[in-house]
Amino acid sequence: MASKYNATVYQSENGIVSGTFLAEVNDEGKMLRSNWIQFTKYDGTDVYDLYLRMRFEKSEFTIVRDGGQGYKNKLMGLALPPAYQEAAK
């Protein structure tokens, strides 16, 4: 089954990026699920976006619809063991 993740999300506080993750984003720009916070009762719904924004209210989330390429690029820049580097390609 193909991944439904269609965007890279950058989490920042005070203009400093503190996290990067994959997300499935709907046509309205709402995060429906991510590879960051999983197994909430809101996964797959519009409420998931609200849940993240309320839980991390000091954070800003910048959504880039790039099919997750930004996240993959970030992984490739990390010093990961070889098995993880291959999986990120």
N, C-alpha and C. Protein backbone atom coordinates (compact mmCIF):
# COMPACT_ATOMS: atom_id res chain seq x y z
N MET A 1 0.85 -1.19 0.00
CA MET A 1 0.00 0.00 0.00
C MET A 1 0.89 1.24 0.00
N ALA A 2 0.59 2.16 -0.87
CA ALA A 2 1.37 3.40 -0.97
C ALA A 2 1.06 4.32 0.22
N SER A 3 2.06 5.06 0.61
CA SER A 3 1.90 6.01 1.71
C SER A 3 0.95 7.12 1.31
N LYS A 4 0.16 7.58 2.24
CA LYS A 4 -0.73 8.71 2.00
C LYS A 4 -0.08 10.03 2.40
N TYR A 5 1.13 9.94 2.96
CA TYR A 5 1.82 11.16 3.36
C TYR A 5 2.16 11.97 2.11
N ASN A 6 1.67 13.18 2.04
CA ASN A 6 1.85 14.00 0.84
C ASN A 6 2.51 15.34 1.13
N ALA A 7 3.03 15.52 2.35
CA ALA A 7 3.61 16.82 2.70
C ALA A 7 4.70 16.67 3.76
N THR A 8 5.61 17.63 3.74
CA THR A 8 6.59 17.78 4.80
C THR A 8 6.09 18.91 5.69
N VAL A 9 6.17 18.69 7.00
CA VAL A 9 5.75 19.72 7.95
C VAL A 9 6.97 20.12 8.78
N TYR A 10 7.17 21.43 8.87
CA TYR A 10 8.25 21.98 9.68
C TYR A 10 7.63 22.61 10.92
N GLN A 11 8.04 22.14 12.08
CA GLN A 11 7.56 22.69 13.35
C GLN A 11 8.60 23.69 13.84
N SER A 12 8.16 24.87 14.21
CA SER A 12 9.11 25.88 14.69
C SER A 12 8.54 26.63 15.89
N GLU A 13 9.47 27.16 16.66
CA GLU A 13 9.14 28.04 17.78
C GLU A 13 10.05 29.25 17.69
N ASN A 14 9.48 30.43 17.76
CA ASN A 14 10.25 31.67 17.67
C ASN A 14 11.11 31.72 16.42
N GLY A 15 10.59 31.18 15.32
CA GLY A 15 11.30 31.22 14.05
C GLY A 15 12.40 30.19 13.88
N ILE A 16 12.59 29.31 14.86
CA ILE A 16 13.63 28.28 14.80
C ILE A 16 12.97 26.93 14.59
N VAL A 17 13.33 26.24 13.50
CA VAL A 17 12.75 24.93 13.21
C VAL A 17 13.23 23.92 14.26
N SER A 18 12.27 23.27 14.90
CA SER A 18 12.60 22.30 15.95
C SER A 18 12.21 20.88 15.56
N GLY A 19 11.52 20.72 14.45
CA GLY A 19 11.12 19.38 14.02
C GLY A 19 10.69 19.36 12.57
N THR A 20 10.84 18.19 11.97
CA THR A 20 10.42 17.97 10.59
C THR A 20 9.77 16.61 10.54
N PHE A 21 8.58 16.53 9.95
CA PHE A 21 7.90 15.24 9.87
C PHE A 21 7.03 15.16 8.63
N LEU A 22 6.59 13.94 8.34
CA LEU A 22 5.68 13.68 7.22
C LEU A 22 4.25 13.80 7.69
N ALA A 23 3.38 14.25 6.81
CA ALA A 23 1.96 14.30 7.16
C ALA A 23 1.10 14.05 5.93
N GLU A 24 -0.08 13.54 6.19
CA GLU A 24 -1.11 13.48 5.17
C GLU A 24 -1.94 14.74 5.37
N VAL A 25 -2.05 15.53 4.32
CA VAL A 25 -2.75 16.81 4.38
C VAL A 25 -3.91 16.79 3.39
N ASN A 26 -5.07 17.25 3.83
CA ASN A 26 -6.23 17.26 2.94
C ASN A 26 -6.23 18.51 2.06
N ASP A 27 -7.23 18.64 1.22
CA ASP A 27 -7.32 19.76 0.28
C ASP A 27 -7.43 21.11 0.97
N GLU A 28 -7.92 21.13 2.20
CA GLU A 28 -8.06 22.38 2.96
C GLU A 28 -6.78 22.73 3.72
N GLY A 29 -5.76 21.90 3.61
CA GLY A 29 -4.49 22.18 4.29
C GLY A 29 -4.43 21.70 5.73
N LYS A 30 -5.33 20.83 6.12
CA LYS A 30 -5.36 20.29 7.48
C LYS A 30 -4.58 18.98 7.53
N MET A 31 -3.77 18.82 8.57
CA MET A 31 -3.07 17.56 8.78
C MET A 31 -4.06 16.51 9.28
N LEU A 32 -4.07 15.36 8.62
CA LEU A 32 -4.97 14.27 9.01
C LEU A 32 -4.25 13.20 9.84
N ARG A 33 -2.95 13.04 9.60
CA ARG A 33 -2.12 12.09 10.33
C ARG A 33 -0.67 12.43 10.02
N SER A 34 0.23 11.88 10.83
CA SER A 34 1.65 12.13 10.59
C SER A 34 2.48 10.96 11.08
N ASN A 35 3.76 11.00 10.75
CA ASN A 35 4.66 9.98 11.27
C ASN A 35 5.27 10.43 12.59
N TRP A 36 4.81 11.54 13.11
CA TRP A 36 5.34 12.10 14.36
C TRP A 36 4.49 11.64 15.55
N ILE A 37 3.28 12.09 15.64
CA ILE A 37 2.37 11.70 16.72
C ILE A 37 1.34 10.76 16.11
N GLN A 38 1.33 9.52 16.59
CA GLN A 38 0.45 8.51 16.00
C GLN A 38 -0.43 7.88 17.08
N PHE A 39 -1.43 7.18 16.61
CA PHE A 39 -2.33 6.40 17.45
C PHE A 39 -3.13 7.26 18.42
N THR A 40 -3.51 8.45 17.95
CA THR A 40 -4.45 9.26 18.71
C THR A 40 -5.84 8.83 18.23
N LYS A 41 -6.84 9.19 18.94
CA LYS A 41 -8.18 8.84 18.47
C LYS A 41 -8.61 9.74 17.31
N TYR A 42 -7.75 10.70 16.93
CA TYR A 42 -8.09 11.66 15.88
C TYR A 42 -7.42 11.38 14.54
N ASP A 43 -6.54 10.38 14.49
CA ASP A 43 -5.84 10.07 13.24
C ASP A 43 -6.84 9.89 12.10
N GLY A 44 -6.55 10.55 10.97
CA GLY A 44 -7.41 10.44 9.79
C GLY A 44 -8.55 11.42 9.75
N THR A 45 -8.64 12.32 10.74
CA THR A 45 -9.74 13.30 10.77
C THR A 45 -9.17 14.72 10.81
N ASP A 46 -10.01 15.69 10.50
CA ASP A 46 -9.62 17.11 10.59
C ASP A 46 -9.25 17.50 12.02
N VAL A 47 -9.77 16.79 12.99
CA VAL A 47 -9.51 17.11 14.40
C VAL A 47 -8.04 16.86 14.75
N TYR A 48 -7.37 15.98 14.01
CA TYR A 48 -5.96 15.70 14.25
C TYR A 48 -5.13 16.99 14.17
N ASP A 49 -5.39 17.81 13.16
CA ASP A 49 -4.69 19.09 13.00
C ASP A 49 -4.91 19.97 14.22
N LEU A 50 -6.13 20.10 14.64
CA LEU A 50 -6.46 20.91 15.81
C LEU A 50 -5.79 20.36 17.06
N TYR A 51 -5.78 19.04 17.20
CA TYR A 51 -5.15 18.38 18.34
C TYR A 51 -3.67 18.77 18.43
N LEU A 52 -2.94 18.67 17.31
CA LEU A 52 -1.52 19.02 17.31
C LEU A 52 -1.32 20.50 17.64
N ARG A 53 -2.13 21.35 17.04
CA ARG A 53 -1.96 22.79 17.24
C ARG A 53 -2.29 23.21 18.68
N MET A 54 -3.25 22.55 19.30
CA MET A 54 -3.59 22.86 20.69
C MET A 54 -2.55 22.26 21.65
N ARG A 55 -2.10 21.06 21.35
CA ARG A 55 -1.13 20.37 22.22
C ARG A 55 0.22 21.09 22.20
N PHE A 56 0.58 21.64 21.07
CA PHE A 56 1.85 22.34 20.90
C PHE A 56 1.57 23.79 20.51
N GLU A 57 0.83 24.48 21.37
CA GLU A 57 0.32 25.81 21.04
C GLU A 57 1.41 26.86 20.84
N LYS A 58 2.62 26.62 21.33
CA LYS A 58 3.71 27.58 21.12
C LYS A 58 4.42 27.35 19.79
N SER A 59 4.05 26.27 19.11
CA SER A 59 4.69 25.93 17.84
C SER A 59 3.92 26.47 16.65
N GLU A 60 4.65 26.74 15.60
CA GLU A 60 4.07 27.06 14.30
C GLU A 60 4.34 25.87 13.40
N PHE A 61 3.39 25.53 12.54
CA PHE A 61 3.56 24.42 11.61
C PHE A 61 3.48 24.96 10.19
N THR A 62 4.55 24.75 9.44
CA THR A 62 4.59 25.15 8.04
C THR A 62 4.46 23.89 7.21
N ILE A 63 3.40 23.81 6.42
CA ILE A 63 3.10 22.64 5.61
C ILE A 63 3.55 22.89 4.17
N VAL A 64 4.36 21.98 3.65
CA VAL A 64 4.84 22.08 2.27
C VAL A 64 4.40 20.82 1.54
N ARG A 65 3.53 20.99 0.56
CA ARG A 65 3.03 19.84 -0.21
C ARG A 65 4.07 19.43 -1.25
N ASP A 66 4.96 18.57 -0.82
CA ASP A 66 6.07 18.15 -1.67
C ASP A 66 6.19 16.63 -1.76
N GLY A 67 5.15 15.94 -1.37
CA GLY A 67 5.19 14.48 -1.38
C GLY A 67 6.14 13.91 -0.35
N GLY A 68 6.57 14.73 0.59
CA GLY A 68 7.49 14.28 1.64
C GLY A 68 8.95 14.43 1.28
N GLN A 69 9.25 15.08 0.16
CA GLN A 69 10.64 15.19 -0.29
C GLN A 69 11.51 15.98 0.71
N GLY A 70 10.97 17.01 1.32
CA GLY A 70 11.73 17.78 2.31
C GLY A 70 12.15 16.92 3.48
N TYR A 71 11.25 16.05 3.92
CA TYR A 71 11.56 15.12 5.02
C TYR A 71 12.65 14.14 4.59
N LYS A 72 12.53 13.60 3.38
CA LYS A 72 13.55 12.67 2.87
C LYS A 72 14.90 13.35 2.76
N ASN A 73 14.92 14.58 2.27
CA ASN A 73 16.17 15.34 2.17
C ASN A 73 16.80 15.55 3.54
N LYS A 74 15.95 15.84 4.53
CA LYS A 74 16.44 16.02 5.90
C LYS A 74 17.08 14.73 6.41
N LEU A 75 16.43 13.60 6.18
CA LEU A 75 16.98 12.31 6.61
C LEU A 75 18.32 12.03 5.95
N MET A 76 18.43 12.34 4.66
CA MET A 76 19.68 12.08 3.94
C MET A 76 20.83 12.93 4.46
N GLY A 77 20.52 14.03 5.13
CA GLY A 77 21.55 14.89 5.68
C GLY A 77 22.01 14.48 7.07
N LEU A 78 21.36 13.48 7.64
CA LEU A 78 21.71 13.02 8.99
C LEU A 78 22.73 11.89 8.92
N ALA A 79 23.50 11.73 9.96
CA ALA A 79 24.47 10.63 10.04
C ALA A 79 23.74 9.39 10.58
N LEU A 80 23.03 8.72 9.69
CA LEU A 80 22.27 7.53 10.07
C LEU A 80 23.04 6.27 9.69
N PRO A 81 22.75 5.16 10.37
CA PRO A 81 23.35 3.89 9.97
C PRO A 81 22.96 3.56 8.51
N PRO A 82 23.78 2.80 7.78
CA PRO A 82 23.53 2.51 6.37
C PRO A 82 22.13 1.97 6.06
N ALA A 83 21.59 1.11 6.88
CA ALA A 83 20.26 0.55 6.61
C ALA A 83 19.20 1.64 6.57
N TYR A 84 19.31 2.64 7.44
CA TYR A 84 18.35 3.73 7.46
C TYR A 84 18.56 4.68 6.29
N GLN A 85 19.80 4.85 5.87
CA GLN A 85 20.07 5.70 4.72
C GLN A 85 19.44 5.14 3.46
N GLU A 86 19.51 3.83 3.27
CA GLU A 86 18.90 3.19 2.11
C GLU A 86 17.39 3.34 2.15
N ALA A 87 16.79 3.21 3.33
CA ALA A 87 15.34 3.31 3.46
C ALA A 87 14.86 4.72 3.17
N ALA A 88 15.70 5.72 3.39
CA ALA A 88 15.29 7.10 3.18
C ALA A 88 15.27 7.50 1.72
N LYS A 89 15.94 6.73 0.87
CA LYS A 89 16.03 7.09 -0.57
C LYS A 89 14.71 6.95 -1.28
